């Protein structure tokens, strides 16, 4: 089938628009962000413990975390519940990371199975 000059011009215009939309989407993609994440700590006696921290990311790679575990805070009970819900949403969708010298390696121990068995 032979394309008319008009069809060819329309296809070129459509391609340009698609490329432009893709570039705009990439520019809007957050390069730096943070979320809540469960961190694993290995105590000197070998016991592993866990806490929720704020973790920062650059281009989807963990680059740092809050010095202390976070607490749910608010000016009302409703605010505290919203904070807890946001924490829960984040920790369910992100891997557990090691703290201290092992950061940002992922924790892959037995407790990971427990994380996915919890039903709320």
PDB file of N, CA and C in Angstrom:
ATOM      1  N   UNK A   1       0.838  -1.172   0.000  1.00  0.00           N
ATOM      2  CA  UNK A   1       0.000   0.000   0.000  1.00  0.00           C
ATOM      3  C   UNK A   1       0.894   1.251   0.000  1.00  0.00           C
ATOM      4  N   UNK A   2       0.585   2.175  -0.824  1.00  0.00           N
ATOM      5  CA  UNK A   2       1.366   3.397  -0.943  1.00  0.00           C
ATOM      6  C   UNK A   2       0.789   4.440   0.009  1.00  0.00           C
ATOM      7  N   UNK A   3       1.686   5.028   0.807  1.00  0.00           N
ATOM      8  CA  UNK A   3       1.267   6.070   1.742  1.00  0.00           C
ATOM      9  C   UNK A   3       1.208   7.406   1.025  1.00  0.00           C
ATOM     10  N   UNK A   4       0.206   8.132   1.353  1.00  0.00           N
ATOM     11  CA  UNK A   4       0.122   9.477   0.806  1.00  0.00           C
ATOM     12  C   UNK A   4       1.074  10.371   1.596  1.00  0.00           C
ATOM     13  N   UNK A   5       1.390  11.502   1.016  1.00  0.00           N
ATOM     14  CA  UNK A   5       2.252  12.464   1.689  1.00  0.00           C
ATOM     15  C   UNK A   5       1.634  12.910   3.010  1.00  0.00           C
ATOM     16  N   UNK A   6       0.345  13.027   3.030  1.00  0.00           N
ATOM     17  CA  UNK A   6      -0.372  13.443   4.236  1.00  0.00           C
ATOM     18  C   UNK A   6      -0.259  12.372   5.334  1.00  0.00           C
ATOM     19  N   UNK A   7      -0.433  11.094   4.960  1.00  0.00           N
ATOM     20  CA  UNK A   7      -0.311   9.999   5.937  1.00  0.00           C
ATOM     21  C   UNK A   7       1.100   9.951   6.516  1.00  0.00           C
ATOM     22  N   UNK A   8       2.083  10.103   5.642  1.00  0.00           N
ATOM     23  CA  UNK A   8       3.475  10.077   6.081  1.00  0.00           C
ATOM     24  C   UNK A   8       3.754  11.217   7.066  1.00  0.00           C
ATOM     25  N   UNK A   9       3.278  12.402   6.763  1.00  0.00           N
ATOM     26  CA  UNK A   9       3.466  13.553   7.643  1.00  0.00           C
ATOM     27  C   UNK A   9       2.773  13.326   8.983  1.00  0.00           C
ATOM     28  N   UNK A  10       1.569  12.748   8.959  1.00  0.00           N
ATOM     29  CA  UNK A  10       0.833  12.459  10.196  1.00  0.00           C
ATOM     30  C   UNK A  10       1.608  11.468  11.066  1.00  0.00           C
ATOM     31  N   UNK A  11       2.163  10.407  10.461  1.00  0.00           N
ATOM     32  CA  UNK A  11       2.933   9.414  11.216  1.00  0.00           C
ATOM     33  C   UNK A  11       4.180  10.037  11.841  1.00  0.00           C
ATOM     34  N   UNK A  12       4.861  10.898  11.100  1.00  0.00           N
ATOM     35  CA  UNK A  12       6.057  11.563  11.630  1.00  0.00           C
ATOM     36  C   UNK A  12       5.688  12.454  12.815  1.00  0.00           C
ATOM     37  N   UNK A  13       4.589  13.188  12.676  1.00  0.00           N
ATOM     38  CA  UNK A  13       4.130  14.048  13.757  1.00  0.00           C
ATOM     39  C   UNK A  13       3.783  13.217  14.997  1.00  0.00           C
ATOM     40  N   UNK A  14       3.111  12.080  14.798  1.00  0.00           N
ATOM     41  CA  UNK A  14       2.745  11.195  15.908  1.00  0.00           C
ATOM     42  C   UNK A  14       3.992  10.651  16.601  1.00  0.00           C
ATOM     43  N   UNK A  15       5.002  10.270  15.829  1.00  0.00           N
ATOM     44  CA  UNK A  15       6.251   9.773  16.405  1.00  0.00           C
ATOM     45  C   UNK A  15       6.930  10.843  17.262  1.00  0.00           C
ATOM     46  N   UNK A  16       6.948  12.070  16.759  1.00  0.00           N
ATOM     47  CA  UNK A  16       7.553  13.162  17.512  1.00  0.00           C
ATOM     48  C   UNK A  16       6.819  13.393  18.832  1.00  0.00           C
ATOM     49  N   UNK A  17       5.488  13.358  18.774  1.00  0.00           N
ATOM     50  CA  UNK A  17       4.708  13.567  19.998  1.00  0.00           C
ATOM     51  C   UNK A  17       4.958  12.458  21.007  1.00  0.00           C
ATOM     52  N   UNK A  18       5.047  11.229  20.542  1.00  0.00           N
ATOM     53  CA  UNK A  18       5.310  10.093  21.435  1.00  0.00           C
ATOM     54  C   UNK A  18       6.686  10.253  22.090  1.00  0.00           C
ATOM     55  N   UNK A  19       7.694  10.612  21.308  1.00  0.00           N
ATOM     56  CA  UNK A  19       9.035  10.822  21.864  1.00  0.00           C
ATOM     57  C   UNK A  19       9.031  11.941  22.900  1.00  0.00           C
ATOM     58  N   UNK A  20       8.318  13.024  22.603  1.00  0.00           N
ATOM     59  CA  UNK A  20       8.242  14.149  23.528  1.00  0.00           C
ATOM     60  C   UNK A  20       7.575  13.718  24.833  1.00  0.00           C
ATOM     61  N   UNK A  21       6.483  12.960  24.741  1.00  0.00           N
ATOM     62  CA  UNK A  21       5.787  12.483  25.946  1.00  0.00           C
ATOM     63  C   UNK A  21       6.677  11.569  26.779  1.00  0.00           C
ATOM     64  N   UNK A  22       7.450  10.723  26.123  1.00  0.00           N
ATOM     65  CA  UNK A  22       8.372   9.836  26.844  1.00  0.00           C
ATOM     66  C   UNK A  22       9.445  10.642  27.574  1.00  0.00           C
ATOM     67  N   UNK A  23       9.988  11.674  26.911  1.00  0.00           N
ATOM     68  CA  UNK A  23      11.004  12.526  27.556  1.00  0.00           C
ATOM     69  C   UNK A  23      10.412  13.242  28.758  1.00  0.00           C
ATOM     70  N   UNK A  24       9.198  13.776  28.591  1.00  0.00           N
ATOM     71  CA  UNK A  24       8.544  14.472  29.702  1.00  0.00           C
ATOM     72  C   UNK A  24       8.286  13.529  30.869  1.00  0.00           C
ATOM     73  N   UNK A  25       7.889  12.294  30.558  1.00  0.00           N
ATOM     74  CA  UNK A  25       7.642  11.313  31.612  1.00  0.00           C
ATOM     75  C   UNK A  25       8.932  11.019  32.367  1.00  0.00           C
ATOM     76  N   UNK A  26      10.044  10.859  31.646  1.00  0.00           N
ATOM     77  CA  UNK A  26      11.327  10.595  32.298  1.00  0.00           C
ATOM     78  C   UNK A  26      11.762  11.772  33.166  1.00  0.00           C
ATOM     79  N   UNK A  27      11.493  12.997  32.700  1.00  0.00           N
ATOM     80  CA  UNK A  27      11.878  14.176  33.472  1.00  0.00           C
ATOM     81  C   UNK A  27      11.045  14.284  34.745  1.00  0.00           C
ATOM     82  N   UNK A  28       9.799  13.817  34.704  1.00  0.00           N
ATOM     83  CA  UNK A  28       8.933  13.900  35.875  1.00  0.00           C
ATOM     84  C   UNK A  28       9.229  12.801  36.883  1.00  0.00           C
ATOM     85  N   UNK A  29       9.878  11.736  36.442  1.00  0.00           N
ATOM     86  CA  UNK A  29      10.189  10.624  37.333  1.00  0.00           C
ATOM     87  C   UNK A  29      11.112  11.108  38.453  1.00  0.00           C
ATOM     88  N   UNK A  30      10.726  10.860  39.698  1.00  0.00           N
ATOM     89  CA  UNK A  30      11.572  11.341  40.799  1.00  0.00           C
ATOM     90  C   UNK A  30      12.923  10.637  40.805  1.00  0.00           C
ATOM     91  N   UNK A  31      13.956  11.421  40.858  1.00  0.00           N
ATOM     92  CA  UNK A  31      15.305  10.859  40.913  1.00  0.00           C
ATOM     93  C   UNK A  31      15.763  10.723  42.356  1.00  0.00           C
ATOM     94  N   UNK A  32      15.283  11.608  43.225  1.00  0.00           N
ATOM     95  CA  UNK A  32      15.603  11.562  44.649  1.00  0.00           C
ATOM     96  C   UNK A  32      14.298  11.498  45.424  1.00  0.00           C
ATOM     97  N   UNK A  33      14.209  10.565  46.340  1.00  0.00           N
ATOM     98  CA  UNK A  33      13.003  10.446  47.156  1.00  0.00           C
ATOM     99  C   UNK A  33      13.332   9.645  48.409  1.00  0.00           C
ATOM    100  N   UNK A  34      12.372   9.526  49.292  1.00  0.00           N
ATOM    101  CA  UNK A  34      12.538   8.723  50.502  1.00  0.00           C
ATOM    102  C   UNK A  34      11.248   7.975  50.771  1.00  0.00           C
ATOM    103  N   UNK A  35      11.351   6.942  51.581  1.00  0.00           N
ATOM    104  CA  UNK A  35      10.171   6.236  52.075  1.00  0.00           C
ATOM    105  C   UNK A  35      10.549   5.494  53.355  1.00  0.00           C
ATOM    106  N   UNK A  36       9.550   4.859  53.922  1.00  0.00           N
ATOM    107  CA  UNK A  36       9.791   4.055  55.127  1.00  0.00           C
ATOM    108  C   UNK A  36      10.235   2.663  54.714  1.00  0.00           C
ATOM    109  N   UNK A  37      11.145   2.106  55.480  1.00  0.00           N
ATOM    110  CA  UNK A  37      11.683   0.786  55.162  1.00  0.00           C
ATOM    111  C   UNK A  37      12.055   0.077  56.469  1.00  0.00           C
ATOM    112  N   UNK A  38      11.869  -1.234  56.489  1.00  0.00           N
ATOM    113  CA  UNK A  38      12.318  -2.019  57.639  1.00  0.00           C
ATOM    114  C   UNK A  38      13.814  -2.269  57.482  1.00  0.00           C
ATOM    115  N   UNK A  39      14.546  -2.006  58.565  1.00  0.00           N
ATOM    116  CA  UNK A  39      15.995  -2.220  58.577  1.00  0.00           C
ATOM    117  C   UNK A  39      16.312  -3.357  59.549  1.00  0.00           C
ATOM    118  N   UNK A  40      17.258  -4.183  59.171  1.00  0.00           N
ATOM    119  CA  UNK A  40      17.697  -5.296  60.013  1.00  0.00           C
ATOM    120  C   UNK A  40      19.019  -4.944  60.684  1.00  0.00           C
ATOM    121  N   UNK A  41      19.110  -5.248  61.970  1.00  0.00           N
ATOM    122  CA  UNK A  41      20.315  -5.008  62.770  1.00  0.00           C
ATOM    123  C   UNK A  41      20.802  -6.334  63.327  1.00  0.00           C
ATOM    124  N   UNK A  42      22.090  -6.586  63.213  1.00  0.00           N
ATOM    125  CA  UNK A  42      22.663  -7.764  63.858  1.00  0.00           C
ATOM    126  C   UNK A  42      23.371  -7.300  65.115  1.00  0.00           C
ATOM    127  N   UNK A  43      22.863  -7.743  66.260  1.00  0.00           N
ATOM    128  CA  UNK A  43      23.451  -7.379  67.550  1.00  0.00           C
ATOM    129  C   UNK A  43      24.754  -8.148  67.766  1.00  0.00           C
ATOM    130  N   UNK A  44      25.624  -7.682  68.657  1.00  0.00           N
ATOM    131  CA  UNK A  44      26.910  -8.357  68.906  1.00  0.00           C
ATOM    132  C   UNK A  44      26.750  -9.835  69.279  1.00  0.00           C
ATOM    133  N   UNK A  45      25.626 -10.197  69.903  1.00  0.00           N
ATOM    134  CA  UNK A  45      25.417 -11.599  70.284  1.00  0.00           C
ATOM    135  C   UNK A  45      24.805 -12.420  69.151  1.00  0.00           C
ATOM    136  N   UNK A  46      24.670 -11.823  67.950  1.00  0.00           N
ATOM    137  CA  UNK A  46      24.168 -12.550  66.785  1.00  0.00           C
ATOM    138  C   UNK A  46      22.660 -12.489  66.590  1.00  0.00           C
ATOM    139  N   UNK A  47      21.939 -11.883  67.518  1.00  0.00           N
ATOM    140  CA  UNK A  47      20.483 -11.774  67.398  1.00  0.00           C
ATOM    141  C   UNK A  47      20.155 -10.662  66.394  1.00  0.00           C
ATOM    142  N   UNK A  48      19.197 -10.950  65.528  1.00  0.00           N
ATOM    143  CA  UNK A  48      18.772  -9.964  64.529  1.00  0.00           C
ATOM    144  C   UNK A  48      17.528  -9.259  65.048  1.00  0.00           C
ATOM    145  N   UNK A  49      17.521  -7.942  64.981  1.00  0.00           N
ATOM    146  CA  UNK A  49      16.331  -7.167  65.352  1.00  0.00           C
ATOM    147  C   UNK A  49      15.984  -6.236  64.194  1.00  0.00           C
ATOM    148  N   UNK A  50      14.770  -5.692  64.226  1.00  0.00           N
ATOM    149  CA  UNK A  50      14.259  -4.901  63.112  1.00  0.00           C
ATOM    150  C   UNK A  50      13.637  -3.607  63.610  1.00  0.00           C
ATOM    151  N   UNK A  51      13.696  -2.566  62.768  1.00  0.00           N
ATOM    152  CA  UNK A  51      13.079  -1.277  63.082  1.00  0.00           C
ATOM    153  C   UNK A  51      12.732  -0.581  61.768  1.00  0.00           C
ATOM    154  N   UNK A  52      11.766   0.337  61.843  1.00  0.00           N
ATOM    155  CA  UNK A  52      11.380   1.120  60.668  1.00  0.00           C
ATOM    156  C   UNK A  52      12.198   2.411  60.646  1.00  0.00           C
ATOM    157  N   UNK A  53      12.781   2.720  59.484  1.00  0.00           N
ATOM    158  CA  UNK A  53      13.568   3.934  59.284  1.00  0.00           C
ATOM    159  C   UNK A  53      13.089   4.637  58.023  1.00  0.00           C
ATOM    160  N   UNK A  54      13.424   5.903  57.905  1.00  0.00           N
ATOM    161  CA  UNK A  54      13.261   6.612  56.640  1.00  0.00           C
ATOM    162  C   UNK A  54      14.512   6.332  55.820  1.00  0.00           C
ATOM    163  N   UNK A  55      14.319   5.896  54.566  1.00  0.00           N
ATOM    164  CA  UNK A  55      15.444   5.583  53.688  1.00  0.00           C
ATOM    165  C   UNK A  55      15.392   6.520  52.489  1.00  0.00           C
ATOM    166  N   UNK A  56      16.532   7.108  52.150  1.00  0.00           N
ATOM    167  CA  UNK A  56      16.596   7.997  50.985  1.00  0.00           C
ATOM    168  C   UNK A  56      17.174   7.237  49.790  1.00  0.00           C
ATOM    169  N   UNK A  57      16.732   7.652  48.594  1.00  0.00           N
ATOM    170  CA  UNK A  57      17.120   6.989  47.346  1.00  0.00           C
ATOM    171  C   UNK A  57      17.570   8.016  46.324  1.00  0.00           C
ATOM    172  N   UNK A  58      18.526   7.629  45.516  1.00  0.00           N
ATOM    173  CA  UNK A  58      18.941   8.380  44.333  1.00  0.00           C
ATOM    174  C   UNK A  58      18.838   7.411  43.169  1.00  0.00           C
ATOM    175  N   UNK A  59      18.019   7.756  42.190  1.00  0.00           N
ATOM    176  CA  UNK A  59      17.810   6.886  41.026  1.00  0.00           C
ATOM    177  C   UNK A  59      17.483   5.459  41.437  1.00  0.00           C
ATOM    178  N   UNK A  60      16.601   5.326  42.398  1.00  0.00           N
ATOM    179  CA  UNK A  60      16.087   4.050  42.900  1.00  0.00           C
ATOM    180  C   UNK A  60      17.109   3.204  43.661  1.00  0.00           C
ATOM    181  N   UNK A  61      18.234   3.784  44.047  1.00  0.00           N
ATOM    182  CA  UNK A  61      19.255   3.067  44.817  1.00  0.00           C
ATOM    183  C   UNK A  61      19.284   3.672  46.224  1.00  0.00           C
ATOM    184  N   UNK A  62      19.159   2.837  47.275  1.00  0.00           N
ATOM    185  CA  UNK A  62      19.215   3.375  48.641  1.00  0.00           C
ATOM    186  C   UNK A  62      20.573   4.021  48.909  1.00  0.00           C
ATOM    187  N   UNK A  63      20.536   5.252  49.447  1.00  0.00           N
ATOM    188  CA  UNK A  63      21.790   5.978  49.686  1.00  0.00           C
ATOM    189  C   UNK A  63      21.994   6.349  51.153  1.00  0.00           C
ATOM    190  N   UNK A  64      20.959   6.254  51.967  1.00  0.00           N
ATOM    191  CA  UNK A  64      21.094   6.601  53.373  1.00  0.00           C
ATOM    192  C   UNK A  64      19.813   6.318  54.120  1.00  0.00           C
ATOM    193  N   UNK A  65      19.904   6.379  55.443  1.00  0.00           N
ATOM    194  CA  UNK A  65      18.711   6.149  56.267  1.00  0.00           C
ATOM    195  C   UNK A  65      18.811   6.970  57.539  1.00  0.00           C
ATOM    196  N   UNK A  66      17.645   7.189  58.154  1.00  0.00           N
ATOM    197  CA  UNK A  66      17.600   8.001  59.371  1.00  0.00           C
ATOM    198  C   UNK A  66      18.428   7.349  60.475  1.00  0.00           C
ATOM    199  N   UNK A  67      19.056   8.193  61.268  1.00  0.00           N
ATOM    200  CA  UNK A  67      19.921   7.701  62.342  1.00  0.00           C
ATOM    201  C   UNK A  67      19.144   6.852  63.350  1.00  0.00           C
ATOM    202  N   UNK A  68      17.935   7.289  63.670  1.00  0.00           N
ATOM    203  CA  UNK A  68      17.096   6.579  64.641  1.00  0.00           C
ATOM    204  C   UNK A  68      15.843   6.035  63.968  1.00  0.00           C
ATOM    205  N   UNK A  69      15.284   4.955  64.511  1.00  0.00           N
ATOM    206  CA  UNK A  69      14.002   4.465  63.988  1.00  0.00           C
ATOM    207  C   UNK A  69      12.945   5.558  64.114  1.00  0.00           C
ATOM    208  N   UNK A  70      11.939   5.500  63.253  1.00  0.00           N
ATOM    209  CA  UNK A  70      10.891   6.523  63.260  1.00  0.00           C
ATOM    210  C   UNK A  70       9.740   6.122  64.180  1.00  0.00           C
ATOM    211  N   UNK A  71       9.005   7.133  64.617  1.00  0.00           N
ATOM    212  CA  UNK A  71       7.810   6.938  65.433  1.00  0.00           C
ATOM    213  C   UNK A  71       6.631   7.556  64.697  1.00  0.00           C
ATOM    214  N   UNK A  72       5.455   7.002  64.898  1.00  0.00           N
ATOM    215  CA  UNK A  72       4.239   7.591  64.331  1.00  0.00           C
ATOM    216  C   UNK A  72       3.840   8.759  65.213  1.00  0.00           C
ATOM    217  N   UNK A  73       3.741   9.939  64.606  1.00  0.00           N
ATOM    218  CA  UNK A  73       3.434  11.151  65.354  1.00  0.00           C
ATOM    219  C   UNK A  73       2.271  11.895  64.706  1.00  0.00           C
ATOM    220  N   UNK A  74       1.594  12.712  65.496  1.00  0.00           N
ATOM    221  CA  UNK A  74       0.524  13.528  64.946  1.00  0.00           C
ATOM    222  C   UNK A  74      -0.115  14.391  66.008  1.00  0.00           C
ATOM    223  N   UNK A  75      -0.949  15.305  65.561  1.00  0.00           N
ATOM    224  CA  UNK A  75      -1.679  16.182  66.471  1.00  0.00           C
ATOM    225  C   UNK A  75      -3.014  15.589  66.889  1.00  0.00           C
ATOM    226  N   UNK A  76      -3.332  14.425  66.341  1.00  0.00           N
ATOM    227  CA  UNK A  76      -4.569  13.738  66.704  1.00  0.00           C
ATOM    228  C   UNK A  76      -4.358  12.242  66.510  1.00  0.00           C
ATOM    229  N   UNK A  77      -5.262  11.472  67.041  1.00  0.00           N
ATOM    230  CA  UNK A  77      -5.192  10.019  66.856  1.00  0.00           C
ATOM    231  C   UNK A  77      -5.302   9.693  65.376  1.00  0.00           C
ATOM    232  N   UNK A  78      -6.162  10.417  64.681  1.00  0.00           N
ATOM    233  CA  UNK A  78      -6.336  10.210  63.238  1.00  0.00           C
ATOM    234  C   UNK A  78      -5.012  10.435  62.498  1.00  0.00           C
ATOM    235  N   UNK A  79      -4.256  11.478  62.873  1.00  0.00           N
ATOM    236  CA  UNK A  79      -2.955  11.752  62.261  1.00  0.00           C
ATOM    237  C   UNK A  79      -1.980  10.596  62.494  1.00  0.00           C
ATOM    238  N   UNK A  80      -1.975  10.066  63.710  1.00  0.00           N
ATOM    239  CA  UNK A  80      -1.076   8.951  64.034  1.00  0.00           C
ATOM    240  C   UNK A  80      -1.442   7.724  63.203  1.00  0.00           C
ATOM    241  N   UNK A  81      -2.737   7.462  63.077  1.00  0.00           N
ATOM    242  CA  UNK A  81      -3.188   6.313  62.282  1.00  0.00           C
ATOM    243  C   UNK A  81      -2.791   6.489  60.818  1.00  0.00           C
ATOM    244  N   UNK A  82      -2.949   7.689  60.272  1.00  0.00           N
ATOM    245  CA  UNK A  82      -2.541   7.950  58.885  1.00  0.00           C
ATOM    246  C   UNK A  82      -1.044   7.717  58.710  1.00  0.00           C
ATOM    247  N   UNK A  83      -0.263   8.162  59.679  1.00  0.00           N
ATOM    248  CA  UNK A  83       1.188   7.969  59.637  1.00  0.00           C
ATOM    249  C   UNK A  83       1.526   6.476  59.648  1.00  0.00           C
ATOM    250  N   UNK A  84       0.873   5.734  60.518  1.00  0.00           N
ATOM    251  CA  UNK A  84       1.093   4.286  60.584  1.00  0.00           C
ATOM    252  C   UNK A  84       0.693   3.598  59.282  1.00  0.00           C
ATOM    253  N   UNK A  85      -0.413   4.035  58.688  1.00  0.00           N
ATOM    254  CA  UNK A  85      -0.862   3.443  57.427  1.00  0.00           C
ATOM    255  C   UNK A  85       0.158   3.697  56.316  1.00  0.00           C
ATOM    256  N   UNK A  86       0.707   4.910  56.281  1.00  0.00           N
ATOM    257  CA  UNK A  86       1.708   5.225  55.271  1.00  0.00           C
ATOM    258  C   UNK A  86       2.964   4.376  55.478  1.00  0.00           C
ATOM    259  N   UNK A  87       3.372   4.228  56.726  1.00  0.00           N
ATOM    260  CA  UNK A  87       4.541   3.389  57.020  1.00  0.00           C
ATOM    261  C   UNK A  87       4.290   1.954  56.558  1.00  0.00           C
ATOM    262  N   UNK A  88       3.128   1.431  56.903  1.00  0.00           N
ATOM    263  CA  UNK A  88       2.795   0.057  56.549  1.00  0.00           C
ATOM    264  C   UNK A  88       2.778  -0.138  55.035  1.00  0.00           C
ATOM    265  N   UNK A  89       2.205   0.805  54.320  1.00  0.00           N
ATOM    266  CA  UNK A  89       2.159   0.724  52.856  1.00  0.00           C
ATOM    267  C   UNK A  89       3.576   0.658  52.291  1.00  0.00           C
ATOM    268  N   UNK A  90       4.454   1.527  52.787  1.00  0.00           N
ATOM    269  CA  UNK A  90       5.832   1.550  52.299  1.00  0.00           C
ATOM    270  C   UNK A  90       6.586   0.266  52.618  1.00  0.00           C
ATOM    271  N   UNK A  91       6.523  -0.181  53.865  1.00  0.00           N
ATOM    272  CA  UNK A  91       7.343  -1.341  54.253  1.00  0.00           C
ATOM    273  C   UNK A  91       6.876  -2.614  53.581  1.00  0.00           C
ATOM    274  N   UNK A  92       5.618  -2.696  53.205  1.00  0.00           N
ATOM    275  CA  UNK A  92       5.126  -3.892  52.523  1.00  0.00           C
ATOM    276  C   UNK A  92       5.604  -3.963  51.082  1.00  0.00           C
ATOM    277  N   UNK A  93       5.988  -2.819  50.503  1.00  0.00           N
ATOM    278  CA  UNK A  93       6.371  -2.788  49.093  1.00  0.00           C
ATOM    279  C   UNK A  93       7.866  -2.654  48.852  1.00  0.00           C
ATOM    280  N   UNK A  94       8.641  -2.640  49.908  1.00  0.00           N
ATOM    281  CA  UNK A  94      10.093  -2.487  49.769  1.00  0.00           C
ATOM    282  C   UNK A  94      10.804  -3.628  50.469  1.00  0.00           C
ATOM    283  N   UNK A  95      12.002  -3.978  49.992  1.00  0.00           N
ATOM    284  CA  UNK A  95      12.760  -5.033  50.668  1.00  0.00           C
ATOM    285  C   UNK A  95      13.256  -4.573  52.031  1.00  0.00           C
ATOM    286  N   UNK A  96      13.537  -5.522  52.903  1.00  0.00           N
ATOM    287  CA  UNK A  96      14.164  -5.222  54.190  1.00  0.00           C
ATOM    288  C   UNK A  96      15.648  -5.017  53.908  1.00  0.00           C
ATOM    289  N   UNK A  97      16.206  -3.927  54.438  1.00  0.00           N
ATOM    290  CA  UNK A  97      17.617  -3.611  54.205  1.00  0.00           C
ATOM    291  C   UNK A  97      18.423  -3.783  55.482  1.00  0.00           C
ATOM    292  N   UNK A  98      19.675  -4.149  55.302  1.00  0.00           N
ATOM    293  CA  UNK A  98      20.580  -4.210  56.438  1.00  0.00           C
ATOM    294  C   UNK A  98      20.979  -2.800  56.847  1.00  0.00           C
ATOM    295  N   UNK A  99      21.152  -2.589  58.118  1.00  0.00           N
ATOM    296  CA  UNK A  99      21.673  -1.330  58.645  1.00  0.00           C
ATOM    297  C   UNK A  99      23.178  -1.466  58.844  1.00  0.00           C
ATOM    298  N   UNK A 100      23.791  -0.368  59.204  1.00  0.00           N
ATOM    299  CA  UNK A 100      25.217  -0.300  59.538  1.00  0.00           C
ATOM    300  C   UNK A 100      26.113  -0.662  58.358  1.00  0.00           C
ATOM    301  N   UNK A 101      27.160  -1.456  58.583  1.00  0.00           N
ATOM    302  CA  UNK A 101      28.145  -1.712  57.527  1.00  0.00           C
ATOM    303  C   UNK A 101      27.581  -2.459  56.324  1.00  0.00           C
ATOM    304  N   UNK A 102      26.509  -3.216  56.516  1.00  0.00           N
ATOM    305  CA  UNK A 102      25.951  -4.008  55.421  1.00  0.00           C
ATOM    306  C   UNK A 102      25.012  -3.200  54.519  1.00  0.00           C
ATOM    307  N   UNK A 103      24.666  -1.972  54.925  1.00  0.00           N
ATOM    308  CA  UNK A 103      23.772  -1.137  54.126  1.00  0.00           C
ATOM    309  C   UNK A 103      24.408  -0.845  52.780  1.00  0.00           C
ATOM    310  N   UNK A 104      23.709  -0.918  51.672  1.00  0.00           N
ATOM    311  CA  UNK A 104      22.277  -1.121  51.478  1.00  0.00           C
ATOM    312  C   UNK A 104      21.901  -2.540  51.051  1.00  0.00           C
ATOM    313  N   UNK A 105      22.675  -3.534  51.459  1.00  0.00           N
ATOM    314  CA  UNK A 105      22.350  -4.910  51.078  1.00  0.00           C
ATOM    315  C   UNK A 105      20.974  -5.305  51.619  1.00  0.00           C
ATOM    316  N   UNK A 106      20.299  -6.183  50.892  1.00  0.00           N
ATOM    317  CA  UNK A 106      18.982  -6.652  51.321  1.00  0.00           C
ATOM    318  C   UNK A 106      19.122  -7.792  52.319  1.00  0.00           C
ATOM    319  N   UNK A 107      18.290  -7.751  53.351  1.00  0.00           N
ATOM    320  CA  UNK A 107      18.215  -8.835  54.321  1.00  0.00           C
ATOM    321  C   UNK A 107      17.367  -9.932  53.686  1.00  0.00           C
ATOM    322  N   UNK A 108      17.849 -11.156  53.699  1.00  0.00           N
ATOM    323  CA  UNK A 108      17.116 -12.262  53.069  1.00  0.00           C
ATOM    324  C   UNK A 108      16.896 -13.433  54.021  1.00  0.00           C
ATOM    325  N   UNK A 109      16.971 -13.197  55.316  1.00  0.00           N
ATOM    326  CA  UNK A 109      16.847 -14.261  56.305  1.00  0.00           C
ATOM    327  C   UNK A 109      15.432 -14.768  56.505  1.00  0.00           C
ATOM    328  N   UNK A 110      15.275 -15.639  57.497  1.00  0.00           N
ATOM    329  CA  UNK A 110      14.013 -16.309  57.810  1.00  0.00           C
ATOM    330  C   UNK A 110      12.867 -15.330  58.039  1.00  0.00           C
ATOM    331  N   UNK A 111      13.139 -14.191  58.637  1.00  0.00           N
ATOM    332  CA  UNK A 111      12.076 -13.237  58.969  1.00  0.00           C
ATOM    333  C   UNK A 111      11.358 -12.710  57.727  1.00  0.00           C
ATOM    334  N   UNK A 112      11.981 -12.789  56.562  1.00  0.00           N
ATOM    335  CA  UNK A 112      11.333 -12.325  55.329  1.00  0.00           C
ATOM    336  C   UNK A 112      10.075 -13.144  55.077  1.00  0.00           C
ATOM    337  N   UNK A 113      10.126 -14.427  55.316  1.00  0.00           N
ATOM    338  CA  UNK A 113       8.936 -15.265  55.134  1.00  0.00           C
ATOM    339  C   UNK A 113       7.805 -14.795  56.042  1.00  0.00           C
ATOM    340  N   UNK A 114       8.150 -14.396  57.268  1.00  0.00           N
ATOM    341  CA  UNK A 114       7.144 -13.892  58.210  1.00  0.00           C
ATOM    342  C   UNK A 114       6.498 -12.614  57.681  1.00  0.00           C
ATOM    343  N   UNK A 115       7.290 -11.752  57.052  1.00  0.00           N
ATOM    344  CA  UNK A 115       6.784 -10.476  56.548  1.00  0.00           C
ATOM    345  C   UNK A 115       5.625 -10.697  55.578  1.00  0.00           C
ATOM    346  N   UNK A 116       5.727 -11.710  54.742  1.00  0.00           N
ATOM    347  CA  UNK A 116       4.707 -11.936  53.721  1.00  0.00           C
ATOM    348  C   UNK A 116       3.555 -12.809  54.233  1.00  0.00           C
ATOM    349  N   UNK A 117       3.686 -13.386  55.420  1.00  0.00           N
ATOM    350  CA  UNK A 117       2.608 -14.183  55.990  1.00  0.00           C
ATOM    351  C   UNK A 117       1.655 -13.347  56.807  1.00  0.00           C
ATOM    352  N   UNK A 118       2.061 -12.164  57.166  1.00  0.00           N
ATOM    353  CA  UNK A 118       1.228 -11.315  58.029  1.00  0.00           C
ATOM    354  C   UNK A 118       0.000 -10.848  57.259  1.00  0.00           C
ATOM    355  N   UNK A 119      -1.156 -11.068  57.824  1.00  0.00           N
ATOM    356  CA  UNK A 119      -2.424 -10.623  57.223  1.00  0.00           C
ATOM    357  C   UNK A 119      -3.021  -9.550  58.133  1.00  0.00           C
ATOM    358  N   UNK A 120      -3.283  -8.379  57.572  1.00  0.00           N
ATOM    359  CA  UNK A 120      -3.860  -7.294  58.365  1.00  0.00           C
ATOM    360  C   UNK A 120      -5.281  -7.039  57.943  1.00  0.00           C
TER     361      UNK A 120
END
